[in-house]
Amino acid sequence: MVDLYIGDLVPLDILLAGVTALIASAVLTIAYYLSARGTAKWKPRKLVHITMGTIIAFTVFSYDNLSGPAFTAGLFLTILMYAWAHKSELVWELLSAGSREGESRLNTFASGFMGVASFALVFLVFFSRPEIFAAAILAVSWGDAAGEIVGRPFGGKIFKKRFKNKSVEGSIAVLVLTMVSVIASLIGHGFHLMIVAVLPQIVLVAILVSIAEILSIGWTDNFLIPWVTSISMWLLLFPGIPLLPL
């Protein structure tokens, strides 16, 4: 489990950093070319969200100390800057490719920044329970993404009702995939109770996250969903744990 200090890199840290940086670069490249070919913007955007969120959720706590994540970020930025040096418009084009319809590149940057800030705060506050951190990321990467993946092509085909331009089908997808996210996080980080014993609490967490997703506007879901997930899991699944690392 990662320790909260800056120390020496161990071989596993270097391996995780290299693999993560390569995957991130490959996914961004695929997303960039999909966008350049005229693919609907939400598809490459969700490809990046799902892939990178999954990797972060299940690798951050595998590093030996904070030097590992820092080295990973530095390695990825080095690759990105190398590509940018060969094509100066690359960063702006990537921001444009990841923008929602009707939103500017500044909105996209704000969305990414607030998401990273939210995840970082959740990491520190709930450090003693890596399951909470992983679920917070996956609720965005899987749950929120499912709302768009299902809602865009299928929204309104079964239920005609919409709220804030969000479909019932998409909201159901958010609910189901948030449940999957919480369960995967618990299992992936060695939760010791039987999942069926806490299934009602997991369903309630997913309902609260789905409500937050419905009520969120624009990029605010990237900030709200991790906190709704974290706080509800803390209250319902891990009551009494210390909030800050001691």
C-alpha atoms as a PDB file:
ATOM      1  CA  MET A   1       0.000   0.000   0.000  1.00  0.00           C
ATOM      2  CA  VAL A   2       1.314   3.435  -0.921  1.00  0.00           C
ATOM      3  CA  ASP A   3       2.851   5.444   1.913  1.00  0.00           C
ATOM      4  CA  LEU A   4       2.421   9.211   2.194  1.00  0.00           C
ATOM      5  CA  TYR A   5       6.029  10.262   1.773  1.00  0.00           C
ATOM      6  CA  ILE A   6       8.454  10.978  -1.058  1.00  0.00           C
ATOM      7  CA  GLY A   7      11.020   8.200  -1.156  1.00  0.00           C
ATOM      8  CA  ASP A   8      13.018   6.002  -3.492  1.00  0.00           C
ATOM      9  CA  LEU A   9      11.434   4.347  -6.483  1.00  0.00           C
ATOM     10  CA  VAL A  10      11.197   0.581  -6.314  1.00  0.00           C
ATOM     11  CA  PRO A  11      11.136  -1.667  -9.416  1.00  0.00           C
ATOM     12  CA  LEU A  12       7.347  -2.111  -9.224  1.00  0.00           C
ATOM     13  CA  ASP A  13       6.890   1.663  -9.206  1.00  0.00           C
ATOM     14  CA  ILE A  14       8.972   2.010 -12.368  1.00  0.00           C
ATOM     15  CA  LEU A  15       7.085  -0.827 -14.069  1.00  0.00           C
ATOM     16  CA  LEU A  16       3.664   0.618 -13.154  1.00  0.00           C
ATOM     17  CA  ALA A  17       4.762   4.076 -14.263  1.00  0.00           C
ATOM     18  CA  GLY A  18       6.006   2.830 -17.637  1.00  0.00           C
ATOM     19  CA  VAL A  19       2.921   0.737 -18.370  1.00  0.00           C
ATOM     20  CA  THR A  20       0.528   3.482 -17.246  1.00  0.00           C
ATOM     21  CA  ALA A  21       2.272   6.194 -19.271  1.00  0.00           C
ATOM     22  CA  LEU A  22       2.293   4.016 -22.390  1.00  0.00           C
ATOM     23  CA  ILE A  23      -1.382   3.087 -22.036  1.00  0.00           C
ATOM     24  CA  ALA A  24      -2.352   6.713 -21.392  1.00  0.00           C
ATOM     25  CA  SER A  25      -0.406   7.855 -24.447  1.00  0.00           C
ATOM     26  CA  ALA A  26      -1.947   5.136 -26.615  1.00  0.00           C
ATOM     27  CA  VAL A  27      -5.480   5.933 -25.453  1.00  0.00           C
ATOM     28  CA  LEU A  28      -5.015   9.671 -26.067  1.00  0.00           C
ATOM     29  CA  THR A  29      -3.637   8.905 -29.519  1.00  0.00           C
ATOM     30  CA  ILE A  30      -6.632   6.716 -30.362  1.00  0.00           C
ATOM     31  CA  ALA A  31      -9.023   9.359 -29.026  1.00  0.00           C
ATOM     32  CA  TYR A  32      -7.266  12.057 -31.038  1.00  0.00           C
ATOM     33  CA  TYR A  33      -7.516  10.132 -34.318  1.00  0.00           C
ATOM     34  CA  LEU A  34     -11.127   9.145 -33.652  1.00  0.00           C
ATOM     35  CA  SER A  35     -11.976  12.803 -33.191  1.00  0.00           C
ATOM     36  CA  ALA A  36     -10.000  13.787 -36.295  1.00  0.00           C
ATOM     37  CA  ARG A  37     -12.035  11.287 -38.329  1.00  0.00           C
ATOM     38  CA  GLY A  38     -15.255  12.968 -37.284  1.00  0.00           C
ATOM     39  CA  THR A  39     -16.341  10.530 -34.589  1.00  0.00           C
ATOM     40  CA  ALA A  40     -18.854  12.016 -32.160  1.00  0.00           C
ATOM     41  CA  LYS A  41     -16.845  13.764 -29.448  1.00  0.00           C
ATOM     42  CA  TRP A  42     -18.416  11.883 -26.570  1.00  0.00           C
ATOM     43  CA  LYS A  43     -17.004   8.564 -27.779  1.00  0.00           C
ATOM     44  CA  PRO A  44     -13.266   9.377 -27.588  1.00  0.00           C
ATOM     45  CA  ARG A  45     -13.912  11.384 -24.413  1.00  0.00           C
ATOM     46  CA  LYS A  46     -15.503   8.429 -22.681  1.00  0.00           C
ATOM     47  CA  LEU A  47     -12.784   6.103 -23.978  1.00  0.00           C
ATOM     48  CA  VAL A  48     -10.220   8.225 -22.133  1.00  0.00           C
ATOM     49  CA  HIS A  49     -12.360   8.520 -18.992  1.00  0.00           C
ATOM     50  CA  ILE A  50     -13.071   4.804 -18.693  1.00  0.00           C
ATOM     51  CA  THR A  51      -9.546   3.597 -19.454  1.00  0.00           C
ATOM     52  CA  MET A  52      -7.618   6.068 -17.340  1.00  0.00           C
ATOM     53  CA  GLY A  53     -10.066   5.969 -14.446  1.00  0.00           C
ATOM     54  CA  THR A  54      -9.846   2.187 -14.275  1.00  0.00           C
ATOM     55  CA  ILE A  55      -6.049   2.235 -14.274  1.00  0.00           C
ATOM     56  CA  ILE A  56      -5.812   4.898 -11.573  1.00  0.00           C
ATOM     57  CA  ALA A  57      -8.410   3.238  -9.345  1.00  0.00           C
ATOM     58  CA  PHE A  58      -6.548  -0.067  -9.213  1.00  0.00           C
ATOM     59  CA  THR A  59      -2.897   1.056  -9.324  1.00  0.00           C
ATOM     60  CA  VAL A  60      -2.427   4.120  -7.093  1.00  0.00           C
ATOM     61  CA  PHE A  61      -2.353   2.116  -3.877  1.00  0.00           C
ATOM     62  CA  SER A  62       0.052  -0.409  -5.425  1.00  0.00           C
ATOM     63  CA  TYR A  63       2.940   2.074  -5.434  1.00  0.00           C
ATOM     64  CA  ASP A  64       5.454   1.998  -2.602  1.00  0.00           C
ATOM     65  CA  ASN A  65       5.269   5.736  -1.881  1.00  0.00           C
ATOM     66  CA  LEU A  66       4.209   8.995  -3.511  1.00  0.00           C
ATOM     67  CA  SER A  67       7.283   9.041  -5.739  1.00  0.00           C
ATOM     68  CA  GLY A  68       5.588   6.379  -7.873  1.00  0.00           C
ATOM     69  CA  PRO A  69       2.507   8.397  -8.880  1.00  0.00           C
ATOM     70  CA  ALA A  70       4.661  11.514  -9.284  1.00  0.00           C
ATOM     71  CA  PHE A  71       7.065   9.647 -11.569  1.00  0.00           C
ATOM     72  CA  THR A  72       4.123   8.292 -13.579  1.00  0.00           C
ATOM     73  CA  ALA A  73       2.684  11.776 -14.079  1.00  0.00           C
ATOM     74  CA  GLY A  74       6.101  13.135 -15.019  1.00  0.00           C
ATOM     75  CA  LEU A  75       6.711  10.340 -17.511  1.00  0.00           C
ATOM     76  CA  PHE A  76       3.327  10.886 -19.148  1.00  0.00           C
ATOM     77  CA  LEU A  77       3.870  14.649 -19.353  1.00  0.00           C
ATOM     78  CA  THR A  78       7.289  14.054 -20.894  1.00  0.00           C
ATOM     79  CA  ILE A  79       5.712  11.938 -23.634  1.00  0.00           C
ATOM     80  CA  LEU A  80       3.008  14.550 -24.144  1.00  0.00           C
ATOM     81  CA  MET A  81       5.518  17.405 -24.349  1.00  0.00           C
ATOM     82  CA  TYR A  82       7.630  15.415 -26.817  1.00  0.00           C
ATOM     83  CA  ALA A  83       4.575  15.009 -29.048  1.00  0.00           C
ATOM     84  CA  TRP A  84       3.658  18.688 -28.550  1.00  0.00           C
ATOM     85  CA  ALA A  85       7.170  19.734 -29.639  1.00  0.00           C
ATOM     86  CA  HIS A  86       6.517  18.022 -32.980  1.00  0.00           C
ATOM     87  CA  LYS A  87       3.010  19.482 -33.320  1.00  0.00           C
ATOM     88  CA  SER A  88       2.428  22.722 -31.447  1.00  0.00           C
ATOM     89  CA  GLU A  89      -1.373  22.599 -31.812  1.00  0.00           C
ATOM     90  CA  LEU A  90      -1.602  19.147 -30.225  1.00  0.00           C
ATOM     91  CA  VAL A  91      -2.651  20.192 -26.708  1.00  0.00           C
ATOM     92  CA  TRP A  92      -5.390  22.511 -27.984  1.00  0.00           C
ATOM     93  CA  GLU A  93      -6.627  19.848 -30.384  1.00  0.00           C
ATOM     94  CA  LEU A  94      -6.771  17.288 -27.575  1.00  0.00           C
ATOM     95  CA  LEU A  95      -8.762  19.709 -25.431  1.00  0.00           C
ATOM     96  CA  SER A  96     -11.084  20.363 -28.351  1.00  0.00           C
ATOM     97  CA  ALA A  97     -11.491  16.630 -28.960  1.00  0.00           C
ATOM     98  CA  GLY A  98     -12.446  16.108 -25.317  1.00  0.00           C
ATOM     99  CA  SER A  99     -14.919  18.973 -25.131  1.00  0.00           C
ATOM    100  CA  ARG A 100     -18.634  18.413 -24.760  1.00  0.00           C
ATOM    101  CA  GLU A 101     -20.887  19.791 -27.460  1.00  0.00           C
ATOM    102  CA  GLY A 102     -21.333  23.516 -26.932  1.00  0.00           C
ATOM    103  CA  GLU A 103     -18.480  23.776 -24.409  1.00  0.00           C
ATOM    104  CA  SER A 104     -15.166  25.537 -24.888  1.00  0.00           C
ATOM    105  CA  ARG A 105     -11.687  24.136 -24.349  1.00  0.00           C
ATOM    106  CA  LEU A 106     -11.528  26.199 -21.148  1.00  0.00           C
ATOM    107  CA  ASN A 107     -14.576  24.316 -19.843  1.00  0.00           C
ATOM    108  CA  THR A 108     -12.839  21.055 -20.685  1.00  0.00           C
ATOM    109  CA  PHE A 109      -9.724  22.138 -18.803  1.00  0.00           C
ATOM    110  CA  ALA A 110     -11.855  23.173 -15.814  1.00  0.00           C
ATOM    111  CA  SER A 111     -13.615  19.799 -15.899  1.00  0.00           C
ATOM    112  CA  GLY A 112     -10.329  17.914 -15.869  1.00  0.00           C
ATOM    113  CA  PHE A 113      -8.810  20.133 -13.182  1.00  0.00           C
ATOM    114  CA  MET A 114     -11.814  19.840 -10.866  1.00  0.00           C
ATOM    115  CA  GLY A 115     -11.914  16.091 -11.379  1.00  0.00           C
ATOM    116  CA  VAL A 116      -8.240  15.708 -10.471  1.00  0.00           C
ATOM    117  CA  ALA A 117      -8.650  18.031  -7.473  1.00  0.00           C
ATOM    118  CA  SER A 118     -11.657  16.051  -6.272  1.00  0.00           C
ATOM    119  CA  PHE A 119      -9.854  12.718  -6.599  1.00  0.00           C
ATOM    120  CA  ALA A 120      -6.772  14.068  -4.810  1.00  0.00           C
ATOM    121  CA  LEU A 121      -8.853  15.295  -1.869  1.00  0.00           C
ATOM    122  CA  VAL A 122     -10.748  12.016  -1.652  1.00  0.00           C
ATOM    123  CA  PHE A 123      -7.404  10.163  -1.699  1.00  0.00           C
ATOM    124  CA  LEU A 124      -6.131  12.167   1.276  1.00  0.00           C
ATOM    125  CA  VAL A 125      -9.325  12.279   3.322  1.00  0.00           C
ATOM    126  CA  PHE A 126     -10.204   8.599   2.923  1.00  0.00           C
ATOM    127  CA  PHE A 127      -6.648   7.284   2.689  1.00  0.00           C
ATOM    128  CA  SER A 128      -7.299   4.541   5.244  1.00  0.00           C
ATOM    129  CA  ARG A 129      -9.887   2.915   2.953  1.00  0.00           C
ATOM    130  CA  PRO A 130      -8.593   2.486  -0.614  1.00  0.00           C
ATOM    131  CA  GLU A 131     -11.957   0.957  -1.537  1.00  0.00           C
ATOM    132  CA  ILE A 132     -13.559   4.378  -1.141  1.00  0.00           C
ATOM    133  CA  PHE A 133     -10.985   6.090  -3.347  1.00  0.00           C
ATOM    134  CA  ALA A 134     -11.306   3.430  -6.067  1.00  0.00           C
ATOM    135  CA  ALA A 135     -15.111   3.592  -5.996  1.00  0.00           C
ATOM    136  CA  ALA A 136     -15.034   7.396  -6.211  1.00  0.00           C
ATOM    137  CA  ILE A 137     -13.034   7.225  -9.433  1.00  0.00           C
ATOM    138  CA  LEU A 138     -14.950   4.323 -10.933  1.00  0.00           C
ATOM    139  CA  ALA A 139     -18.297   5.983 -10.190  1.00  0.00           C
ATOM    140  CA  VAL A 140     -17.206   8.681 -12.634  1.00  0.00           C
ATOM    141  CA  SER A 141     -15.296   6.436 -15.052  1.00  0.00           C
ATOM    142  CA  TRP A 142     -17.888   3.667 -15.239  1.00  0.00           C
ATOM    143  CA  GLY A 143     -21.124   4.959 -13.723  1.00  0.00           C
ATOM    144  CA  ASP A 144     -21.216   8.458 -15.178  1.00  0.00           C
ATOM    145  CA  ALA A 145     -19.808   7.208 -18.490  1.00  0.00           C
ATOM    146  CA  ALA A 146     -22.535   4.560 -18.702  1.00  0.00           C
ATOM    147  CA  GLY A 147     -25.147   7.291 -18.517  1.00  0.00           C
ATOM    148  CA  GLU A 148     -23.845   8.834 -21.717  1.00  0.00           C
ATOM    149  CA  ILE A 149     -23.005   5.571 -23.471  1.00  0.00           C
ATOM    150  CA  VAL A 150     -26.528   4.244 -22.905  1.00  0.00           C
ATOM    151  CA  GLY A 151     -28.406   7.537 -22.810  1.00  0.00           C
ATOM    152  CA  ARG A 152     -27.208   8.946 -26.123  1.00  0.00           C
ATOM    153  CA  PRO A 153     -28.170   6.051 -28.426  1.00  0.00           C
ATOM    154  CA  PHE A 154     -31.041   4.596 -26.381  1.00  0.00           C
ATOM    155  CA  GLY A 155     -32.372   7.479 -24.280  1.00  0.00           C
ATOM    156  CA  GLY A 156     -36.063   8.125 -24.851  1.00  0.00           C
ATOM    157  CA  LYS A 157     -36.688   4.854 -26.680  1.00  0.00           C
ATOM    158  CA  ILE A 158     -38.320   3.174 -23.689  1.00  0.00           C
ATOM    159  CA  PHE A 159     -39.050   6.067 -21.325  1.00  0.00           C
ATOM    160  CA  LYS A 160     -39.909   9.404 -22.908  1.00  0.00           C
ATOM    161  CA  LYS A 161     -39.268  11.401 -19.734  1.00  0.00           C
ATOM    162  CA  ARG A 162     -36.193  13.626 -19.526  1.00  0.00           C
ATOM    163  CA  PHE A 163     -34.768  15.868 -16.821  1.00  0.00           C
ATOM    164  CA  LYS A 164     -32.022  18.408 -17.588  1.00  0.00           C
ATOM    165  CA  ASN A 165     -31.687  16.639 -20.953  1.00  0.00           C
ATOM    166  CA  LYS A 166     -30.900  13.349 -19.199  1.00  0.00           C
ATOM    167  CA  SER A 167     -32.858  10.218 -20.002  1.00  0.00           C
ATOM    168  CA  VAL A 168     -34.310   7.600 -17.692  1.00  0.00           C
ATOM    169  CA  GLU A 169     -32.378   4.900 -19.562  1.00  0.00           C
ATOM    170  CA  GLY A 170     -29.126   6.760 -18.995  1.00  0.00           C
ATOM    171  CA  SER A 171     -29.877   7.267 -15.296  1.00  0.00           C
ATOM    172  CA  ILE A 172     -30.610   3.565 -14.880  1.00  0.00           C
ATOM    173  CA  ALA A 173     -27.258   2.817 -16.506  1.00  0.00           C
ATOM    174  CA  VAL A 174     -25.564   5.181 -14.031  1.00  0.00           C
ATOM    175  CA  LEU A 175     -27.269   3.363 -11.157  1.00  0.00           C
ATOM    176  CA  VAL A 176     -26.297  -0.116 -12.329  1.00  0.00           C
ATOM    177  CA  LEU A 177     -22.687   0.710 -13.235  1.00  0.00           C
ATOM    178  CA  THR A 178     -22.189   2.622 -10.000  1.00  0.00           C
ATOM    179  CA  MET A 179     -23.219  -0.505  -8.123  1.00  0.00           C
ATOM    180  CA  VAL A 180     -20.731  -2.472 -10.229  1.00  0.00           C
ATOM    181  CA  SER A 181     -18.079   0.174  -9.495  1.00  0.00           C
ATOM    182  CA  VAL A 182     -18.555  -0.069  -5.735  1.00  0.00           C
ATOM    183  CA  ILE A 183     -18.566  -3.875  -5.791  1.00  0.00           C
ATOM    184  CA  ALA A 184     -15.437  -4.009  -8.003  1.00  0.00           C
ATOM    185  CA  SER A 185     -13.672  -1.567  -5.677  1.00  0.00           C
ATOM    186  CA  LEU A 186     -14.548  -3.585  -2.586  1.00  0.00           C
ATOM    187  CA  ILE A 187     -13.435  -6.870  -4.145  1.00  0.00           C
ATOM    188  CA  GLY A 188     -10.347  -5.365  -5.780  1.00  0.00           C
ATOM    189  CA  HIS A 189      -9.106  -3.967  -2.469  1.00  0.00           C
ATOM    190  CA  GLY A 190      -9.774  -7.022  -0.343  1.00  0.00           C
ATOM    191  CA  PHE A 191     -13.064  -6.195   1.365  1.00  0.00           C
ATOM    192  CA  HIS A 192     -13.520  -8.937   3.956  1.00  0.00           C
ATOM    193  CA  LEU A 193     -17.304  -9.131   4.274  1.00  0.00           C
ATOM    194  CA  MET A 194     -19.596 -10.934   1.862  1.00  0.00           C
ATOM    195  CA  ILE A 195     -20.837  -8.452  -0.730  1.00  0.00           C
ATOM    196  CA  VAL A 196     -24.407  -9.724  -0.392  1.00  0.00           C
ATOM    197  CA  ALA A 197     -24.356  -8.696   3.279  1.00  0.00           C
ATOM    198  CA  VAL A 198     -23.881  -5.031   2.340  1.00  0.00           C
ATOM    199  CA  LEU A 199     -25.848  -5.048  -0.925  1.00  0.00           C
ATOM    200  CA  PRO A 200     -28.630  -2.769   0.413  1.00  0.00           C
ATOM    201  CA  GLN A 201     -26.017  -0.167   1.368  1.00  0.00           C
ATOM    202  CA  ILE A 202     -24.389  -0.463  -2.061  1.00  0.00           C
ATOM    203  CA  VAL A 203     -27.745   0.089  -3.763  1.00  0.00           C
ATOM    204  CA  LEU A 204     -28.343   3.187  -1.625  1.00  0.00           C
ATOM    205  CA  VAL A 205     -24.891   4.549  -2.522  1.00  0.00           C
ATOM    206  CA  ALA A 206     -25.678   4.025  -6.197  1.00  0.00           C
ATOM    207  CA  ILE A 207     -29.047   5.782  -5.853  1.00  0.00           C
ATOM    208  CA  LEU A 208     -27.403   8.818  -4.228  1.00  0.00           C
ATOM    209  CA  VAL A 209     -24.753   8.945  -6.956  1.00  0.00           C
ATOM    210  CA  SER A 210     -27.432   8.696  -9.649  1.00  0.00           C
ATOM    211  CA  ILE A 211     -29.299  11.617  -8.099  1.00  0.00           C
ATOM    212  CA  ALA A 212     -26.075  13.648  -8.005  1.00  0.00           C
ATOM    213  CA  GLU A 213     -25.467  12.859 -11.668  1.00  0.00           C
ATOM    214  CA  ILE A 214     -28.984  13.930 -12.623  1.00  0.00           C
ATOM    215  CA  LEU A 215     -28.677  17.221 -10.740  1.00  0.00           C
ATOM    216  CA  SER A 216     -25.148  18.071 -11.884  1.00  0.00           C
ATOM    217  CA  ILE A 217     -24.603  20.638 -14.622  1.00  0.00           C
ATOM    218  CA  GLY A 218     -21.743  20.464 -17.123  1.00  0.00           C
ATOM    219  CA  TRP A 219     -18.411  19.577 -15.534  1.00  0.00           C
ATOM    220  CA  THR A 220     -19.729  19.663 -11.945  1.00  0.00           C
ATOM    221  CA  ASP A 221     -20.359  15.918 -12.053  1.00  0.00           C
ATOM    222  CA  ASN A 222     -16.581  15.341 -12.036  1.00  0.00           C
ATOM    223  CA  PHE A 223     -16.424  17.036  -8.640  1.00  0.00           C
ATOM    224  CA  LEU A 224     -19.750  16.018  -7.094  1.00  0.00           C
ATOM    225  CA  ILE A 225     -19.877  12.320  -7.932  1.00  0.00           C
ATOM    226  CA  PRO A 226     -16.566  11.366  -6.238  1.00  0.00           C
ATOM    227  CA  TRP A 227     -17.633  13.147  -3.034  1.00  0.00           C
ATOM    228  CA  VAL A 228     -21.157  11.763  -2.979  1.00  0.00           C
ATOM    229  CA  THR A 229     -19.691   8.293  -3.526  1.00  0.00           C
ATOM    230  CA  SER A 230     -17.034   8.713  -0.848  1.00  0.00           C
ATOM    231  CA  ILE A 231     -19.194  10.237   1.856  1.00  0.00           C
ATOM    232  CA  SER A 232     -22.073   7.828   1.324  1.00  0.00           C
ATOM    233  CA  MET A 233     -19.712   4.809   1.393  1.00  0.00           C
ATOM    234  CA  TRP A 234     -18.074   6.149   4.536  1.00  0.00           C
ATOM    235  CA  LEU A 235     -21.412   6.611   6.291  1.00  0.00           C
ATOM    236  CA  LEU A 236     -23.036   3.392   5.090  1.00  0.00           C
ATOM    237  CA  LEU A 237     -20.153   0.911   4.762  1.00  0.00           C
ATOM    238  CA  PHE A 238     -17.304   2.172   6.935  1.00  0.00           C
ATOM    239  CA  PRO A 239     -18.811   4.187   9.804  1.00  0.00           C
ATOM    240  CA  GLY A 240     -16.309   5.248  12.403  1.00  0.00           C
ATOM    241  CA  ILE A 241     -13.139   5.094  10.318  1.00  0.00           C
ATOM    242  CA  PRO A 242     -10.756   8.072  10.696  1.00  0.00           C
ATOM    243  CA  LEU A 243     -11.232  10.600   7.927  1.00  0.00           C
ATOM    244  CA  LEU A 244      -7.629  11.729   7.659  1.00  0.00           C
ATOM    245  CA  PRO A 245      -4.431   9.641   7.638  1.00  0.00           C
ATOM    246  CA  LEU A 246      -2.915   9.517  11.110  1.00  0.00           C
END
